[in-house]
Amino acid sequence: MGGSEREPARVFAGALVVTQDAARRVVRADVRVDEGRFTHVGPAAPREGAEVVDASGYALVPGFVNLHTHVAMHPLRGIADDRDLAGFLETLFAVDARRTEADVEAGARAGIAEMLLGGTTSFLDLYYFEDAVARAVDALGIRGFLGWAVLDPEFTTQHGKPLDNAAAFIGRWRNHGRVTPLVAPQGVYVCGSETWLGARALAERERTLVHYHLSETRKEVHDHEAKTGRRPVDWLEEIGFLGPQQVAAHAVWLTSQEIGRLGQRGVAVAHCASSNLKLASGGVAPIVELRAAGATVGIGTDSVASNNSLSMLREIHLAGLVQKNHRWDATALSAQELLDLATLDGARALGQARDLGSIEVGKRADFSLFRLDHPTLQPARPEALVSHLAYAANDEAIDSVFVDGRPVVEDRRLAGGDWNSIRAALAAAADSLWAARPG
């Protein structure tokens, strides 16, 4: 999948296209793809020199953007269930200290396989050994925005200084077509001001994103306030860190002032409803208020150790129900807004709005073909399709997935890897890691 061989032009004829364009049209149309980009969306696409695909039985949907993952944690699904965040992290940190680059790559391959089969074509990651994750991205054909985890040297198990490691990682992968390297401070609980400002300086120098955890639990906020006299957002503003080209994961425990500050500074937020619920973070992330304040909000699954799924369809559904129920307002986060969060807004958070998130001429051809005969998409009517995607569809409805116009899933089979081999490597990694978990 990492080769430079040219993909043939294709016309997807007669598809039911969820364009996600400015008018949010859902229309019967032909879609043509040339050299990895959409070149025609509308009736009667030119067919010269193109492979023609009868897509009349499919919905053509923009690829999902998973805005917060630790994809290599796939061997750890179920290893620390039914614990609060502190207990969860205690187990995860103990096991993480024993991880090797090889088992990180095995986990990343399995996680990417799961995401691709669920229609995710881009993801934002935060971990270490990100070279291993990048190799998995390259092999399986997904689009990865990969953040090397940085934290204060006294807290790390990395060899060398984490910021230096992040800079070296960015240098190694900056010119890859589908790997976008970046810097990722872990959170205020393991990063002092020097690390935060060093991360920002690195990102500005290399023109990368910054990704980090923020105000995930009440305890995190209260502990930081006791230590510094400031809540995390206020403290990050005070030290001069907050700014654009940043994506903060979780952002659950925020005051109205902090919400306004994130919006003013152009910080995007990855909403991780399932992880927050399962870890009993308490409260509900103020998604409606963040969007009203001007912050871009996308959807993230977090890791399979805390979710325990990488399905964006499941995450979209749950995010909508939680907001509606919490606010006693059935109109909060409509089906269309939920689909926006998973596509256009995720792309915008990554600084990729010109290239990703919708089916429009000139954009990169990242999309999925959903089977219109699938039970969860009935009745298969254009006016109901967005609702079905938000509230009913499951991953099994996805037949094929394309990234840069190249098939990465065909007939629910991975194009860039053998699932049985991926599963076997994952099982071997899991055997070693589960044996090391604390009692």
Protein backbone atom coordinates (compact mmCIF):
# COMPACT_ATOMS: atom_id res chain seq x y z
CA MET A 1 0.00 0.00 0.00
CA GLY A 2 2.97 2.30 0.40
CA GLY A 3 4.09 1.98 -3.21
CA SER A 4 3.89 4.63 -5.90
CA GLU A 5 2.00 2.52 -8.44
CA ARG A 6 -0.74 4.51 -10.09
CA GLU A 7 -4.34 3.64 -9.26
CA PRO A 8 -6.73 3.43 -12.22
CA ALA A 9 -9.42 6.07 -12.69
CA ARG A 10 -12.84 4.86 -11.54
CA VAL A 11 -16.42 5.97 -12.01
CA PHE A 12 -18.85 4.91 -9.29
CA ALA A 13 -22.06 5.00 -11.27
CA GLY A 14 -25.46 5.72 -9.78
CA ALA A 15 -24.43 5.80 -6.12
CA LEU A 16 -26.55 7.41 -3.43
CA VAL A 17 -24.00 10.04 -2.45
CA VAL A 18 -23.88 11.59 1.02
CA THR A 19 -21.93 14.59 -0.23
CA GLN A 20 -21.47 16.50 3.02
CA ASP A 21 -21.14 19.56 0.77
CA ALA A 22 -22.28 23.01 1.88
CA ALA A 23 -25.92 22.10 1.18
CA ARG A 24 -25.51 18.65 2.77
CA ARG A 25 -27.07 17.04 -0.31
CA VAL A 26 -27.85 13.33 -0.48
CA VAL A 27 -28.25 12.62 -4.20
CA ARG A 28 -28.12 9.92 -6.83
CA ALA A 29 -24.97 10.69 -8.81
CA ASP A 30 -21.91 9.42 -10.59
CA VAL A 31 -18.63 9.96 -8.78
CA ARG A 32 -15.36 9.92 -10.72
CA VAL A 33 -11.96 9.50 -9.10
CA ASP A 34 -8.69 10.31 -10.87
CA GLU A 35 -5.25 10.12 -9.26
CA GLY A 36 -6.68 9.94 -5.76
CA ARG A 37 -9.10 12.86 -5.98
CA PHE A 38 -12.75 13.39 -6.85
CA THR A 39 -13.00 14.90 -10.32
CA HIS A 40 -16.76 14.63 -10.89
CA VAL A 41 -19.78 14.46 -8.57
CA GLY A 42 -23.07 14.65 -10.44
CA PRO A 43 -24.98 13.12 -13.31
CA ALA A 44 -23.29 11.39 -16.24
CA ALA A 45 -19.63 11.35 -15.28
CA PRO A 46 -17.20 11.04 -18.21
CA ARG A 47 -16.13 7.42 -18.46
CA GLU A 48 -13.20 7.61 -20.84
CA GLY A 49 -10.20 5.76 -19.50
CA ALA A 50 -11.98 4.75 -16.31
CA GLU A 51 -13.06 1.51 -14.69
CA VAL A 52 -16.83 1.75 -14.21
CA VAL A 53 -18.28 0.41 -10.94
CA ASP A 54 -22.03 -0.13 -10.66
CA ALA A 55 -22.66 1.62 -7.36
CA SER A 56 -26.46 1.78 -7.59
CA GLY A 57 -26.79 -0.56 -4.63
CA TYR A 58 -24.53 1.52 -2.40
CA ALA A 59 -24.38 4.73 -0.43
CA LEU A 60 -21.12 6.57 -0.98
CA VAL A 61 -20.17 8.20 2.33
CA PRO A 62 -17.13 10.32 3.29
CA GLY A 63 -14.52 8.45 5.29
CA PHE A 64 -14.78 8.94 9.03
CA VAL A 65 -12.14 10.89 10.97
CA ASN A 66 -11.34 9.34 14.35
CA LEU A 67 -9.99 12.33 16.26
CA HIS A 68 -8.47 10.56 19.26
CA THR A 69 -6.95 7.08 19.50
CA HIS A 70 -4.15 5.07 20.99
CA VAL A 71 -4.46 2.55 18.21
CA ALA A 72 -1.55 0.33 19.22
CA MET A 73 -3.29 -0.61 22.49
CA HIS A 74 -5.30 -3.28 20.70
CA PRO A 75 -3.68 -6.17 22.67
CA LEU A 76 -4.94 -4.51 25.87
CA ARG A 77 -8.68 -4.61 25.12
CA GLY A 78 -10.36 -5.77 28.33
CA ILE A 79 -7.20 -5.69 30.44
CA ALA A 80 -8.39 -2.96 32.85
CA ASP A 81 -12.18 -2.95 32.70
CA ASP A 82 -14.55 -1.63 35.37
CA ARG A 83 -12.07 0.75 36.99
CA ASP A 84 -11.97 4.51 37.29
CA LEU A 85 -9.34 6.45 35.36
CA ALA A 86 -6.77 6.29 38.17
CA GLY A 87 -7.06 2.51 38.48
CA PHE A 88 -7.17 2.10 34.72
CA LEU A 89 -3.99 4.13 34.27
CA GLU A 90 -2.20 2.25 37.04
CA THR A 91 -2.67 -0.99 35.14
CA LEU A 92 -1.95 0.53 31.74
CA PHE A 93 1.26 2.26 32.83
CA ALA A 94 2.55 -0.97 34.40
CA VAL A 95 1.91 -2.94 31.22
CA ASP A 96 3.04 -0.16 28.88
CA ALA A 97 6.47 -0.16 30.51
CA ARG A 98 7.01 -3.69 29.14
CA ARG A 99 5.93 -2.97 25.57
CA THR A 100 8.27 -3.47 22.64
CA GLU A 101 8.24 -1.78 19.27
CA ALA A 102 7.27 -5.10 17.67
CA ASP A 103 4.16 -5.59 19.79
CA VAL A 104 3.21 -1.92 19.30
CA GLU A 105 3.25 -2.54 15.54
CA ALA A 106 1.18 -5.72 15.96
CA GLY A 107 -1.38 -3.75 17.99
CA ALA A 108 -1.42 -0.90 15.51
CA ARG A 109 -2.05 -3.24 12.58
CA ALA A 110 -5.00 -4.83 14.38
CA GLY A 111 -6.42 -1.48 15.43
CA ILE A 112 -6.08 -0.03 11.94
CA ALA A 113 -7.76 -3.11 10.49
CA GLU A 114 -10.71 -2.60 12.82
CA MET A 115 -10.95 1.08 11.94
CA LEU A 116 -10.80 0.48 8.19
CA LEU A 117 -13.53 -2.15 8.39
CA GLY A 118 -15.61 0.48 10.21
CA GLY A 119 -15.17 3.16 7.54
CA THR A 120 -12.51 5.23 9.31
CA THR A 121 -10.03 6.59 6.77
CA SER A 122 -8.12 9.09 8.96
CA PHE A 123 -7.16 8.95 12.62
CA LEU A 124 -5.31 11.08 15.15
CA ASP A 125 -3.10 9.06 17.48
CA LEU A 126 -1.18 9.68 20.71
CA TYR A 127 1.42 7.12 21.76
CA TYR A 128 5.12 6.29 21.69
CA PHE A 129 6.98 3.95 19.31
CA GLU A 130 5.03 5.85 16.66
CA ASP A 131 7.42 4.63 13.96
CA ALA A 132 5.79 1.24 14.42
CA VAL A 133 2.36 2.81 14.05
CA ALA A 134 3.54 4.67 10.95
CA ARG A 135 4.70 1.42 9.38
CA ALA A 136 1.28 -0.08 10.02
CA VAL A 137 -0.35 2.99 8.45
CA ASP A 138 1.87 2.63 5.41
CA ALA A 139 1.13 -1.07 5.00
CA LEU A 140 -2.65 -1.00 5.42
CA GLY A 141 -3.36 2.21 3.54
CA ILE A 142 -5.14 4.37 6.12
CA ARG A 143 -4.31 8.04 6.73
CA GLY A 144 -2.56 8.57 10.07
CA PHE A 145 -1.92 11.76 12.04
CA LEU A 146 0.54 10.39 14.56
CA GLY A 147 1.49 12.18 17.75
CA TRP A 148 4.63 11.12 19.61
CA ALA A 149 3.82 11.22 23.33
CA VAL A 150 5.94 13.67 25.32
CA LEU A 151 6.07 14.12 29.07
CA ASP A 152 8.53 15.26 31.71
CA PRO A 153 11.68 13.10 31.69
CA GLU A 154 11.13 11.88 35.26
CA PHE A 155 7.81 10.28 34.28
CA THR A 156 8.82 8.55 31.07
CA THR A 157 9.92 5.02 30.22
CA GLN A 158 11.22 6.22 26.83
CA HIS A 159 14.93 6.08 26.08
CA GLY A 160 16.23 9.63 25.71
CA LYS A 161 14.28 12.85 26.07
CA PRO A 162 10.68 12.59 24.86
CA LEU A 163 10.77 15.97 23.08
CA ASP A 164 13.92 14.96 21.23
CA ASN A 165 12.27 11.67 20.32
CA ALA A 166 9.25 13.52 18.98
CA ALA A 167 11.43 15.84 16.89
CA ALA A 168 13.31 12.89 15.42
CA PHE A 169 10.06 11.08 14.61
CA ILE A 170 8.72 14.15 12.83
CA GLY A 171 11.91 14.37 10.81
CA ARG A 172 11.71 10.73 9.74
CA TRP A 173 8.10 10.86 8.48
CA ARG A 174 7.41 14.45 7.44
CA ASN A 175 7.37 13.66 3.71
CA HIS A 176 5.15 10.57 3.70
CA GLY A 177 1.92 10.85 1.71
CA ARG A 178 -0.39 9.38 4.36
CA VAL A 179 1.59 9.78 7.59
CA THR A 180 1.46 13.21 9.23
CA PRO A 181 3.76 13.27 12.29
CA LEU A 182 3.15 15.62 15.20
CA VAL A 183 3.93 16.23 18.87
CA ALA A 184 1.62 15.07 21.67
CA PRO A 185 2.02 16.19 25.31
CA GLN A 186 0.35 13.54 27.49
CA GLY A 187 -1.44 15.87 29.93
CA VAL A 188 -0.98 18.31 32.80
CA TYR A 189 -0.48 15.46 35.29
CA VAL A 190 2.88 14.46 33.73
CA CYS A 191 3.90 17.61 31.83
CA GLY A 192 5.29 20.77 33.42
CA SER A 193 5.42 24.15 31.74
CA GLU A 194 8.81 23.49 30.14
CA THR A 195 7.46 20.38 28.38
CA TRP A 196 4.28 22.14 27.23
CA LEU A 197 6.15 25.12 25.83
CA GLY A 198 8.80 22.88 24.29
CA ALA A 199 6.04 20.95 22.52
CA ARG A 200 4.52 24.14 21.20
CA ALA A 201 7.90 25.42 20.01
CA LEU A 202 8.58 22.12 18.23
CA ALA A 203 5.18 22.21 16.55
CA GLU A 204 5.68 25.79 15.40
CA ARG A 205 9.14 25.03 14.08
CA GLU A 206 8.00 21.93 12.19
CA ARG A 207 4.52 23.27 11.36
CA THR A 208 2.72 20.34 12.93
CA LEU A 209 -0.36 19.86 15.04
CA VAL A 210 -0.26 19.42 18.81
CA HIS A 211 -2.49 16.77 20.41
CA TYR A 212 -3.04 16.26 24.15
CA HIS A 213 -5.42 15.13 26.89
CA LEU A 214 -7.26 17.90 28.70
CA SER A 215 -9.58 18.08 31.72
CA GLU A 216 -10.76 14.50 31.36
CA THR A 217 -11.76 14.00 35.01
CA ARG A 218 -12.73 16.14 37.96
CA LYS A 219 -9.79 14.70 39.92
CA GLU A 220 -7.32 15.78 37.22
CA VAL A 221 -8.71 19.32 37.37
CA HIS A 222 -8.80 19.52 41.15
CA ASP A 223 -5.31 18.07 41.58
CA HIS A 224 -3.88 20.55 39.10
CA GLU A 225 -5.73 23.43 40.73
CA ALA A 226 -4.36 22.39 44.13
CA LYS A 227 -0.84 22.24 42.70
CA THR A 228 -0.81 25.44 40.62
CA GLY A 229 -3.78 27.50 41.76
CA ARG A 230 -5.24 27.31 38.24
CA ARG A 231 -7.53 24.97 36.37
CA PRO A 232 -5.78 23.25 33.42
CA VAL A 233 -7.15 25.45 30.63
CA ASP A 234 -6.52 28.64 32.58
CA TRP A 235 -3.00 27.48 33.44
CA LEU A 236 -2.17 26.56 29.84
CA GLU A 237 -3.35 30.01 28.79
CA GLU A 238 -1.30 31.65 31.53
CA ILE A 239 1.95 29.94 30.45
CA GLY A 240 1.33 30.91 26.82
CA PHE A 241 0.59 27.49 25.41
CA LEU A 242 -2.95 27.60 23.96
CA GLY A 243 -3.36 28.37 20.28
CA PRO A 244 -4.53 27.12 16.89
CA GLN A 245 -3.47 23.82 15.34
CA GLN A 246 -4.12 22.05 18.63
CA VAL A 247 -6.54 19.20 19.34
CA ALA A 248 -7.48 18.57 22.97
CA ALA A 249 -9.00 15.18 23.81
CA HIS A 250 -11.94 14.85 26.23
CA ALA A 251 -12.41 18.41 27.61
CA VAL A 252 -15.17 17.26 29.97
CA TRP A 253 -14.62 19.35 33.10
CA LEU A 254 -14.66 22.93 31.84
CA THR A 255 -16.04 26.19 33.17
CA SER A 256 -17.84 28.61 30.87
CA GLN A 257 -14.73 30.79 30.94
CA GLU A 258 -12.54 27.89 29.84
CA ILE A 259 -14.99 27.00 27.07
CA GLY A 260 -14.81 30.55 25.77
CA ARG A 261 -11.03 30.54 26.01
CA LEU A 262 -10.69 27.36 23.95
CA GLY A 263 -12.96 28.84 21.32
CA GLN A 264 -11.08 32.13 21.24
CA ARG A 265 -7.69 30.41 20.95
CA GLY A 266 -8.81 28.13 18.11
CA VAL A 267 -8.26 24.89 20.05
CA ALA A 268 -10.23 21.94 18.60
CA VAL A 269 -11.73 19.24 20.82
CA ALA A 270 -12.00 15.47 20.36
CA HIS A 271 -15.16 14.25 22.08
CA CYS A 272 -14.81 10.68 23.41
CA ALA A 273 -18.23 9.80 24.79
CA SER A 274 -17.80 6.03 25.25
CA SER A 275 -14.47 6.28 27.01
CA ASN A 276 -15.72 9.01 29.33
CA LEU A 277 -18.80 6.97 30.24
CA LYS A 278 -16.95 3.70 30.76
CA LEU A 279 -14.26 5.28 32.95
CA ALA A 280 -16.97 7.14 34.88
CA SER A 281 -15.38 10.51 34.23
CA GLY A 282 -18.61 12.08 35.48
CA GLY A 283 -20.36 15.01 33.94
CA VAL A 284 -20.90 15.32 30.20
CA ALA A 285 -18.53 17.11 27.84
CA PRO A 286 -20.04 20.52 26.97
CA ILE A 287 -20.08 19.87 23.23
CA VAL A 288 -22.96 22.22 22.43
CA GLU A 289 -21.35 25.06 24.36
CA LEU A 290 -17.92 24.46 22.84
CA ARG A 291 -19.35 24.63 19.33
CA ALA A 292 -21.30 27.76 20.21
CA ALA A 293 -18.05 29.31 21.45
CA GLY A 294 -16.44 28.69 18.08
CA ALA A 295 -14.42 25.59 18.92
CA THR A 296 -14.27 22.86 16.30
CA VAL A 297 -15.39 19.54 17.80
CA GLY A 298 -14.85 16.09 16.33
CA ILE A 299 -15.43 12.53 17.48
CA GLY A 300 -12.79 10.20 18.91
CA THR A 301 -13.07 6.64 20.14
CA ASP A 302 -10.05 6.69 22.46
CA SER A 303 -8.38 3.27 22.81
CA VAL A 304 -9.92 -0.20 22.90
CA ALA A 305 -8.68 -0.44 26.49
CA SER A 306 -11.16 2.23 27.56
CA ASN A 307 -13.96 2.12 24.94
CA ASN A 308 -13.68 -0.92 24.03
CA SER A 309 -14.39 -0.35 20.35
CA LEU A 310 -12.96 1.63 17.44
CA SER A 311 -16.33 1.88 15.67
CA MET A 312 -17.09 5.45 14.71
CA LEU A 313 -20.71 4.54 13.92
CA ARG A 314 -21.16 3.36 17.50
CA GLU A 315 -19.41 6.46 18.80
CA ILE A 316 -21.56 8.84 16.73
CA HIS A 317 -24.72 7.16 17.97
CA LEU A 318 -23.72 7.26 21.63
CA ALA A 319 -22.46 10.86 21.49
CA GLY A 320 -25.82 12.01 20.21
CA LEU A 321 -27.89 10.11 22.76
CA VAL A 322 -25.79 11.29 25.69
CA GLN A 323 -26.09 14.96 24.74
CA LYS A 324 -29.83 14.73 24.14
CA ASN A 325 -30.53 12.93 27.39
CA HIS A 326 -28.22 15.10 29.48
CA ARG A 327 -29.73 18.32 28.19
CA TRP A 328 -33.35 17.12 28.18
CA ASP A 329 -33.42 18.29 24.58
CA ALA A 330 -34.13 15.90 21.71
CA THR A 331 -32.90 18.51 19.21
CA ALA A 332 -29.38 18.68 20.68
CA LEU A 333 -26.80 17.40 18.16
CA SER A 334 -29.04 16.42 15.27
CA ALA A 335 -28.22 13.46 13.03
CA GLN A 336 -26.70 15.84 10.50
CA GLU A 337 -24.56 17.53 13.15
CA LEU A 338 -23.35 14.13 14.37
CA LEU A 339 -22.29 13.15 10.87
CA ASP A 340 -20.56 16.52 10.55
CA LEU A 341 -18.58 15.83 13.72
CA ALA A 342 -17.34 12.53 12.30
CA THR A 343 -16.39 13.88 8.87
CA LEU A 344 -16.12 17.60 8.09
CA ASP A 345 -15.42 18.79 11.62
CA GLY A 346 -12.83 16.09 12.20
CA ALA A 347 -11.11 17.16 8.98
CA ARG A 348 -11.29 20.81 10.05
CA ALA A 349 -9.73 19.97 13.44
CA LEU A 350 -6.81 18.36 11.62
CA GLY A 351 -6.37 21.39 9.36
CA GLN A 352 -7.52 19.26 6.41
CA ALA A 353 -10.84 20.86 5.49
CA ARG A 354 -9.70 21.55 1.93
CA ASP A 355 -8.82 17.90 1.32
CA LEU A 356 -11.00 15.69 3.51
CA GLY A 357 -14.46 15.33 5.02
CA SER A 358 -16.83 15.52 2.03
CA ILE A 359 -17.46 14.16 -1.45
CA GLU A 360 -16.60 17.22 -3.55
CA VAL A 361 -14.54 17.83 -6.67
CA GLY A 362 -10.89 18.43 -5.82
CA LYS A 363 -10.92 16.65 -2.47
CA ARG A 364 -9.05 13.46 -1.71
CA ALA A 365 -11.09 10.36 -2.48
CA ASP A 366 -11.48 8.94 1.03
CA PHE A 367 -14.87 7.23 1.28
CA SER A 368 -16.85 4.08 2.05
CA LEU A 369 -19.49 2.16 0.14
CA PHE A 370 -22.39 1.18 2.42
CA ARG A 371 -24.72 -1.60 1.24
CA LEU A 372 -28.18 -0.14 0.75
CA ASP A 373 -29.72 -3.60 1.22
CA HIS A 374 -28.32 -3.91 4.75
CA PRO A 375 -31.00 -4.26 7.46
CA THR A 376 -29.71 -1.26 9.43
CA LEU A 377 -30.14 1.07 6.43
CA GLN A 378 -33.83 0.35 5.84
CA PRO A 379 -35.84 2.05 4.53
CA ALA A 380 -33.05 3.03 2.12
CA ARG A 381 -34.45 6.44 1.29
CA PRO A 382 -32.28 9.50 0.58
CA GLU A 383 -34.07 11.62 3.16
CA ALA A 384 -33.48 8.99 5.88
CA LEU A 385 -29.88 8.06 5.14
CA VAL A 386 -28.14 10.57 7.41
CA SER A 387 -30.43 9.50 10.25
CA HIS A 388 -29.55 5.86 9.62
CA LEU A 389 -25.83 6.64 9.73
CA ALA A 390 -26.20 8.49 13.02
CA TYR A 391 -28.59 6.19 14.83
CA ALA A 392 -28.85 2.77 13.20
CA ALA A 393 -26.05 1.63 10.87
CA ASN A 394 -23.39 -0.77 12.03
CA ASP A 395 -19.97 -1.56 10.62
CA GLU A 396 -21.19 -4.69 8.82
CA ALA A 397 -23.12 -2.44 6.42
CA ILE A 398 -19.80 -1.27 4.96
CA ASP A 399 -18.71 -3.21 1.89
CA SER A 400 -15.64 -1.32 0.66
CA VAL A 401 -13.41 1.53 1.79
CA PHE A 402 -11.12 3.76 -0.27
CA VAL A 403 -8.26 6.06 0.71
CA ASP A 404 -6.83 8.34 -1.98
CA GLY A 405 -9.06 6.46 -4.40
CA ARG A 406 -7.29 3.18 -3.60
CA PRO A 407 -9.34 0.28 -2.19
CA VAL A 408 -8.20 -0.60 1.32
CA VAL A 409 -11.23 -2.78 2.08
CA GLU A 410 -13.01 -4.80 -0.61
CA ASP A 411 -16.00 -7.03 0.11
CA ARG A 412 -15.15 -6.62 3.82
CA ARG A 413 -11.62 -7.92 3.32
CA LEU A 414 -8.47 -5.93 3.93
CA ALA A 415 -6.60 -5.14 0.74
CA GLY A 416 -3.27 -4.38 2.42
CA GLY A 417 -2.93 -7.21 4.90
CA ASP A 418 -4.08 -10.70 5.84
CA TRP A 419 -6.36 -10.64 8.86
CA ASN A 420 -5.33 -14.08 10.10
CA SER A 421 -1.68 -13.03 10.15
CA ILE A 422 -2.55 -9.75 11.87
CA ARG A 423 -4.63 -11.62 14.45
CA ALA A 424 -1.89 -14.15 15.15
CA ALA A 425 0.69 -11.43 15.79
CA LEU A 426 -1.79 -9.62 18.03
CA ALA A 427 -2.45 -12.77 20.06
CA ALA A 428 1.27 -13.31 20.63
CA ALA A 429 1.70 -9.73 21.83
CA ALA A 430 -1.33 -10.04 24.10
CA ASP A 431 0.01 -13.23 25.73
CA SER A 432 3.13 -11.42 26.91
CA LEU A 433 1.35 -8.24 28.02
CA TRP A 434 -1.49 -9.90 29.88
CA ALA A 435 1.01 -12.02 31.80
CA ALA A 436 2.59 -8.78 33.05
CA ARG A 437 -0.56 -7.09 34.32
CA PRO A 438 -0.55 -6.33 38.05
CA GLY A 439 -2.80 -8.42 40.23
